[in-house]
PDB file of all heavy atoms in Angstrom:
ATOM      1  N   GLN A   1     239.841  52.948 -87.318  1.00  0.00           N
ATOM      2  CA  GLN A   1     240.203  54.292 -87.147  1.00  0.00           C
ATOM      3  C   GLN A   1     238.905  55.215 -87.272  1.00  0.00           C
ATOM      4  O   GLN A   1     238.746  56.154 -86.431  1.00  0.00           O
ATOM      5  CB  GLN A   1     241.228  54.740 -88.133  1.00  0.00           C
ATOM      6  CG  GLN A   1     242.592  54.224 -87.794  1.00  0.00           C
ATOM      7  CD  GLN A   1     243.634  54.484 -88.948  1.00  0.00           C
ATOM      8  OE1 GLN A   1     243.242  54.761 -90.069  1.00  0.00           O
ATOM      9  NE2 GLN A   1     244.877  54.494 -88.606  1.00  0.00           N
ATOM     10  N   ARG A   2     238.146  54.876 -88.214  1.00  0.00           N
ATOM     11  CA  ARG A   2     236.882  55.662 -88.440  1.00  0.00           C
ATOM     12  C   ARG A   2     235.880  55.423 -87.291  1.00  0.00           C
ATOM     13  O   ARG A   2     235.228  56.235 -86.767  1.00  0.00           O
ATOM     14  CB  ARG A   2     236.260  55.313 -89.722  1.00  0.00           C
ATOM     15  CG  ARG A   2     236.994  55.979 -90.885  1.00  0.00           C
ATOM     16  CD  ARG A   2     236.534  55.517 -92.298  1.00  0.00           C
ATOM     17  NE  ARG A   2     237.194  56.119 -93.365  1.00  0.00           N
ATOM     18  CZ  ARG A   2     238.408  55.947 -93.788  1.00  0.00           C
ATOM     19  NH1 ARG A   2     239.164  54.988 -93.190  1.00  0.00           N
ATOM     20  NH2 ARG A   2     238.939  56.583 -94.816  1.00  0.00           N
ATOM     21  N   ALA A   3     235.837  54.086 -86.814  1.00  0.00           N
ATOM     22  CA  ALA A   3     234.866  53.783 -85.767  1.00  0.00           C
ATOM     23  C   ALA A   3     235.244  54.457 -84.426  1.00  0.00           C
ATOM     24  O   ALA A   3     234.407  54.943 -83.744  1.00  0.00           O
ATOM     25  CB  ALA A   3     234.845  52.217 -85.639  1.00  0.00           C
ATOM     26  N   THR A   4     236.558  54.449 -84.136  1.00  0.00           N
ATOM     27  CA  THR A   4     236.998  55.051 -82.822  1.00  0.00           C
ATOM     28  C   THR A   4     236.800  56.528 -82.846  1.00  0.00           C
ATOM     29  O   THR A   4     236.752  57.096 -81.758  1.00  0.00           O
ATOM     30  CB  THR A   4     238.395  54.681 -82.491  1.00  0.00           C
ATOM     31  OG1 THR A   4     239.328  55.070 -83.568  1.00  0.00           O
ATOM     32  CG2 THR A   4     238.617  53.185 -82.265  1.00  0.00           C
ATOM     33  N   ALA A   5     236.709  57.119 -83.972  1.00  0.00           N
ATOM     34  CA  ALA A   5     236.488  58.573 -84.016  1.00  0.00           C
ATOM     35  C   ALA A   5     235.053  58.964 -83.797  1.00  0.00           C
ATOM     36  O   ALA A   5     234.748  60.120 -83.632  1.00  0.00           O
ATOM     37  CB  ALA A   5     236.900  59.135 -85.444  1.00  0.00           C
ATOM     38  N   LEU A   6     234.235  57.978 -83.701  1.00  0.00           N
ATOM     39  CA  LEU A   6     232.745  58.244 -83.503  1.00  0.00           C
ATOM     40  C   LEU A   6     232.340  57.563 -82.262  1.00  0.00           C
ATOM     41  O   LEU A   6     232.765  56.488 -81.871  1.00  0.00           O
ATOM     42  CB  LEU A   6     231.922  57.656 -84.705  1.00  0.00           C
ATOM     43  CG  LEU A   6     232.126  58.232 -86.052  1.00  0.00           C
ATOM     44  CD1 LEU A   6     231.418  57.373 -87.085  1.00  0.00           C
ATOM     45  CD2 LEU A   6     231.661  59.661 -86.135  1.00  0.00           C
ATOM     46  N   PRO A   7     231.273  58.092 -81.640  1.00  0.00           N
ATOM     47  CA  PRO A   7     230.605  57.339 -80.519  1.00  0.00           C
ATOM     48  C   PRO A   7     229.990  56.086 -81.091  1.00  0.00           C
ATOM     49  O   PRO A   7     229.424  56.123 -82.171  1.00  0.00           O
ATOM     50  CB  PRO A   7     229.559  58.274 -79.940  1.00  0.00           C
ATOM     51  CG  PRO A   7     229.865  59.634 -80.537  1.00  0.00           C
ATOM     52  CD  PRO A   7     230.680  59.428 -81.808  1.00  0.00           C
ATOM     53  N   SER A   8     230.109  54.979 -80.408  1.00  0.00           N
ATOM     54  CA  SER A   8     229.522  53.705 -80.832  1.00  0.00           C
ATOM     55  C   SER A   8     228.011  53.818 -81.088  1.00  0.00           C
ATOM     56  O   SER A   8     227.450  53.054 -81.867  1.00  0.00           O
ATOM     57  CB  SER A   8     229.932  52.527 -79.972  1.00  0.00           C
ATOM     58  OG  SER A   8     229.312  52.747 -78.656  1.00  0.00           O
ATOM     59  N   THR A   9     227.417  54.724 -80.418  1.00  0.00           N
ATOM     60  CA  THR A   9     225.929  54.885 -80.556  1.00  0.00           C
ATOM     61  C   THR A   9     225.583  55.466 -81.934  1.00  0.00           C
ATOM     62  O   THR A   9     224.417  55.429 -82.333  1.00  0.00           O
ATOM     63  CB  THR A   9     225.312  55.757 -79.498  1.00  0.00           C
ATOM     64  OG1 THR A   9     226.005  57.042 -79.489  1.00  0.00           O
ATOM     65  CG2 THR A   9     225.471  55.071 -78.090  1.00  0.00           C
ATOM     66  N   THR A  10     226.570  56.007 -82.632  1.00  0.00           N
ATOM     67  CA  THR A  10     226.347  56.626 -83.965  1.00  0.00           C
ATOM     68  C   THR A  10     226.756  55.777 -85.090  1.00  0.00           C
ATOM     69  O   THR A  10     226.686  56.208 -86.255  1.00  0.00           O
ATOM     70  CB  THR A  10     226.848  58.030 -84.079  1.00  0.00           C
ATOM     71  OG1 THR A  10     228.286  57.976 -84.019  1.00  0.00           O
ATOM     72  CG2 THR A  10     226.342  58.974 -83.007  1.00  0.00           C
ATOM     73  N   TRP A  11     227.389  54.604 -84.794  1.00  0.00           N
ATOM     74  CA  TRP A  11     227.868  53.679 -85.898  1.00  0.00           C
ATOM     75  C   TRP A  11     226.759  53.334 -86.799  1.00  0.00           C
ATOM     76  O   TRP A  11     225.620  53.161 -86.369  1.00  0.00           O
ATOM     77  CB  TRP A  11     228.406  52.451 -85.276  1.00  0.00           C
ATOM     78  CG  TRP A  11     229.771  52.643 -84.553  1.00  0.00           C
ATOM     79  CD1 TRP A  11     230.609  53.686 -84.565  1.00  0.00           C
ATOM     80  CD2 TRP A  11     230.461  51.655 -83.796  1.00  0.00           C
ATOM     81  NE1 TRP A  11     231.718  53.419 -83.812  1.00  0.00           N
ATOM     82  CE2 TRP A  11     231.657  52.189 -83.341  1.00  0.00           C
ATOM     83  CE3 TRP A  11     230.132  50.346 -83.435  1.00  0.00           C
ATOM     84  CZ2 TRP A  11     232.536  51.515 -82.541  1.00  0.00           C
ATOM     85  CZ3 TRP A  11     231.030  49.651 -82.623  1.00  0.00           C
ATOM     86  CH2 TRP A  11     232.209  50.175 -82.194  1.00  0.00           C
ATOM     87  N   PRO A  12     227.045  53.202 -88.116  1.00  0.00           N
ATOM     88  CA  PRO A  12     225.973  52.850 -89.028  1.00  0.00           C
ATOM     89  C   PRO A  12     225.453  51.467 -88.899  1.00  0.00           C
ATOM     90  O   PRO A  12     224.460  51.064 -89.536  1.00  0.00           O
ATOM     91  CB  PRO A  12     226.598  53.106 -90.418  1.00  0.00           C
ATOM     92  CG  PRO A  12     228.051  52.858 -90.157  1.00  0.00           C
ATOM     93  CD  PRO A  12     228.267  53.370 -88.751  1.00  0.00           C
ATOM     94  N   ARG A  13     226.053  50.640 -88.123  1.00  0.00           N
ATOM     95  CA  ARG A  13     225.736  49.221 -87.962  1.00  0.00           C
ATOM     96  C   ARG A  13     225.672  48.924 -86.483  1.00  0.00           C
ATOM     97  O   ARG A  13     226.318  49.499 -85.644  1.00  0.00           O
ATOM     98  CB  ARG A  13     226.644  48.286 -88.650  1.00  0.00           C
ATOM     99  CG  ARG A  13     226.671  48.518 -90.150  1.00  0.00           C
ATOM    100  CD  ARG A  13     227.320  47.393 -90.842  1.00  0.00           C
ATOM    101  NE  ARG A  13     227.528  47.730 -92.210  1.00  0.00           N
ATOM    102  CZ  ARG A  13     228.166  46.908 -93.012  1.00  0.00           C
ATOM    103  NH1 ARG A  13     228.721  45.787 -92.568  1.00  0.00           N
ATOM    104  NH2 ARG A  13     228.364  47.229 -94.272  1.00  0.00           N
ATOM    105  N   SER A  14     224.940  47.828 -86.151  1.00  0.00           N
ATOM    106  CA  SER A  14     224.880  47.369 -84.757  1.00  0.00           C
ATOM    107  C   SER A  14     226.163  46.721 -84.351  1.00  0.00           C
ATOM    108  O   SER A  14     227.040  46.325 -85.255  1.00  0.00           O
ATOM    109  CB  SER A  14     223.646  46.474 -84.585  1.00  0.00           C
ATOM    110  OG  SER A  14     223.866  45.358 -85.386  1.00  0.00           O
ATOM    111  N   ARG A  15     226.352  46.638 -83.062  1.00  0.00           N
ATOM    112  CA  ARG A  15     227.574  45.940 -82.544  1.00  0.00           C
ATOM    113  C   ARG A  15     227.443  44.455 -82.879  1.00  0.00           C
ATOM    114  O   ARG A  15     226.404  43.937 -82.938  1.00  0.00           O
ATOM    115  CB  ARG A  15     227.651  46.176 -81.048  1.00  0.00           C
ATOM    116  CG  ARG A  15     227.929  47.539 -80.602  1.00  0.00           C
ATOM    117  CD  ARG A  15     228.111  47.663 -79.149  1.00  0.00           C
ATOM    118  NE  ARG A  15     228.268  49.062 -78.752  1.00  0.00           N
ATOM    119  CZ  ARG A  15     228.733  49.380 -77.645  1.00  0.00           C
ATOM    120  NH1 ARG A  15     229.086  48.480 -76.710  1.00  0.00           N
ATOM    121  NH2 ARG A  15     228.954  50.674 -77.294  1.00  0.00           N
ATOM    122  N   CYS A  16     228.631  43.839 -82.919  1.00  0.00           N
ATOM    123  CA  CYS A  16     228.751  42.441 -83.120  1.00  0.00           C
ATOM    124  C   CYS A  16     228.039  41.630 -82.038  1.00  0.00           C
ATOM    125  O   CYS A  16     228.287  42.025 -80.835  1.00  0.00           O
ATOM    126  CB  CYS A  16     230.256  41.996 -83.196  1.00  0.00           C
ATOM    127  SG  CYS A  16     230.500  40.227 -83.186  1.00  0.00           S
ATOM    128  N   SER A  17     227.265  40.633 -82.344  1.00  0.00           N
ATOM    129  CA  SER A  17     226.499  39.953 -81.264  1.00  0.00           C
ATOM    130  C   SER A  17     227.428  39.010 -80.487  1.00  0.00           C
ATOM    131  O   SER A  17     227.026  38.571 -79.416  1.00  0.00           O
ATOM    132  CB  SER A  17     225.379  39.182 -81.845  1.00  0.00           C
ATOM    133  OG  SER A  17     225.796  38.302 -82.836  1.00  0.00           O
ATOM    134  N   ARG A  18     228.611  38.644 -81.033  1.00  0.00           N
ATOM    135  CA  ARG A  18     229.493  37.716 -80.342  1.00  0.00           C
ATOM    136  C   ARG A  18     230.435  38.522 -79.361  1.00  0.00           C
ATOM    137  O   ARG A  18     230.579  38.060 -78.181  1.00  0.00           O
ATOM    138  CB  ARG A  18     230.297  36.983 -81.341  1.00  0.00           C
ATOM    139  CG  ARG A  18     231.151  35.887 -80.603  1.00  0.00           C
ATOM    140  CD  ARG A  18     231.529  34.827 -81.646  1.00  0.00           C
ATOM    141  NE  ARG A  18     232.297  33.812 -80.960  1.00  0.00           N
ATOM    142  CZ  ARG A  18     232.863  32.792 -81.500  1.00  0.00           C
ATOM    143  NH1 ARG A  18     232.782  32.755 -82.850  1.00  0.00           N
ATOM    144  NH2 ARG A  18     233.463  31.897 -80.814  1.00  0.00           N
ATOM    145  N   CYS A  19     231.054  39.556 -79.740  1.00  0.00           N
ATOM    146  CA  CYS A  19     232.033  40.292 -78.901  1.00  0.00           C
ATOM    147  C   CYS A  19     231.443  41.519 -78.303  1.00  0.00           C
ATOM    148  O   CYS A  19     232.027  42.159 -77.500  1.00  0.00           O
ATOM    149  CB  CYS A  19     233.307  40.566 -79.647  1.00  0.00           C
ATOM    150  SG  CYS A  19     233.093  41.822 -80.845  1.00  0.00           S
ATOM    151  N   HIS A  20     230.180  41.862 -78.627  1.00  0.00           N
ATOM    152  CA  HIS A  20     229.442  43.003 -78.213  1.00  0.00           C
ATOM    153  C   HIS A  20     230.278  44.310 -78.420  1.00  0.00           C
ATOM    154  O   HIS A  20     230.307  45.193 -77.546  1.00  0.00           O
ATOM    155  CB  HIS A  20     229.114  42.892 -76.680  1.00  0.00           C
ATOM    156  CG  HIS A  20     228.431  41.642 -76.439  1.00  0.00           C
ATOM    157  ND1 HIS A  20     227.053  41.467 -76.798  1.00  0.00           N
ATOM    158  CD2 HIS A  20     228.788  40.430 -75.875  1.00  0.00           C
ATOM    159  CE1 HIS A  20     226.669  40.177 -76.529  1.00  0.00           C
ATOM    160  NE2 HIS A  20     227.712  39.592 -75.926  1.00  0.00           N
ATOM    161  N   GLY A  21     231.008  44.376 -79.621  1.00  0.00           N
ATOM    162  CA  GLY A  21     231.641  45.606 -79.957  1.00  0.00           C
ATOM    163  C   GLY A  21     233.039  45.721 -79.369  1.00  0.00           C
ATOM    164  O   GLY A  21     233.735  46.680 -79.632  1.00  0.00           O
ATOM    165  N   LYS A  22     233.515  44.716 -78.708  1.00  0.00           N
ATOM    166  CA  LYS A  22     234.858  44.840 -78.033  1.00  0.00           C
ATOM    167  C   LYS A  22     235.962  44.308 -78.955  1.00  0.00           C
ATOM    168  O   LYS A  22     237.047  44.455 -78.582  1.00  0.00           O
ATOM    169  CB  LYS A  22     234.861  43.903 -76.759  1.00  0.00           C
ATOM    170  CG  LYS A  22     233.955  44.511 -75.683  1.00  0.00           C
ATOM    171  CD  LYS A  22     233.989  43.679 -74.476  1.00  0.00           C
ATOM    172  CE  LYS A  22     233.032  44.322 -73.464  1.00  0.00           C
ATOM    173  NZ  LYS A  22     232.588  43.378 -72.526  1.00  0.00           N
ATOM    174  N   GLN A  23     235.638  43.679 -80.091  1.00  0.00           N
ATOM    175  CA  GLN A  23     236.584  43.358 -81.172  1.00  0.00           C
ATOM    176  C   GLN A  23     237.428  42.067 -80.843  1.00  0.00           C
ATOM    177  O   GLN A  23     238.013  41.409 -81.703  1.00  0.00           O
ATOM    178  CB  GLN A  23     237.585  44.493 -81.547  1.00  0.00           C
ATOM    179  CG  GLN A  23     236.824  45.741 -81.918  1.00  0.00           C
ATOM    180  CD  GLN A  23     237.676  46.924 -81.789  1.00  0.00           C
ATOM    181  OE1 GLN A  23     238.773  46.935 -81.233  1.00  0.00           O
ATOM    182  NE2 GLN A  23     237.231  48.035 -82.335  1.00  0.00           N
ATOM    183  N   THR A  24     237.362  41.632 -79.612  1.00  0.00           N
ATOM    184  CA  THR A  24     238.099  40.409 -79.254  1.00  0.00           C
ATOM    185  C   THR A  24     237.227  39.562 -78.374  1.00  0.00           C
ATOM    186  O   THR A  24     236.326  40.019 -77.742  1.00  0.00           O
ATOM    187  CB  THR A  24     239.401  40.669 -78.459  1.00  0.00           C
ATOM    188  OG1 THR A  24     239.159  41.405 -77.214  1.00  0.00           O
ATOM    189  CG2 THR A  24     240.461  41.505 -79.285  1.00  0.00           C
TER     190      THR A  24
END
């Protein structure tokens, strides 16, 4: 919920290297 409220470019951490931020 907190992550979707923010643009992914402003997340405090990098995207997952396996799913590239897609969660699945």
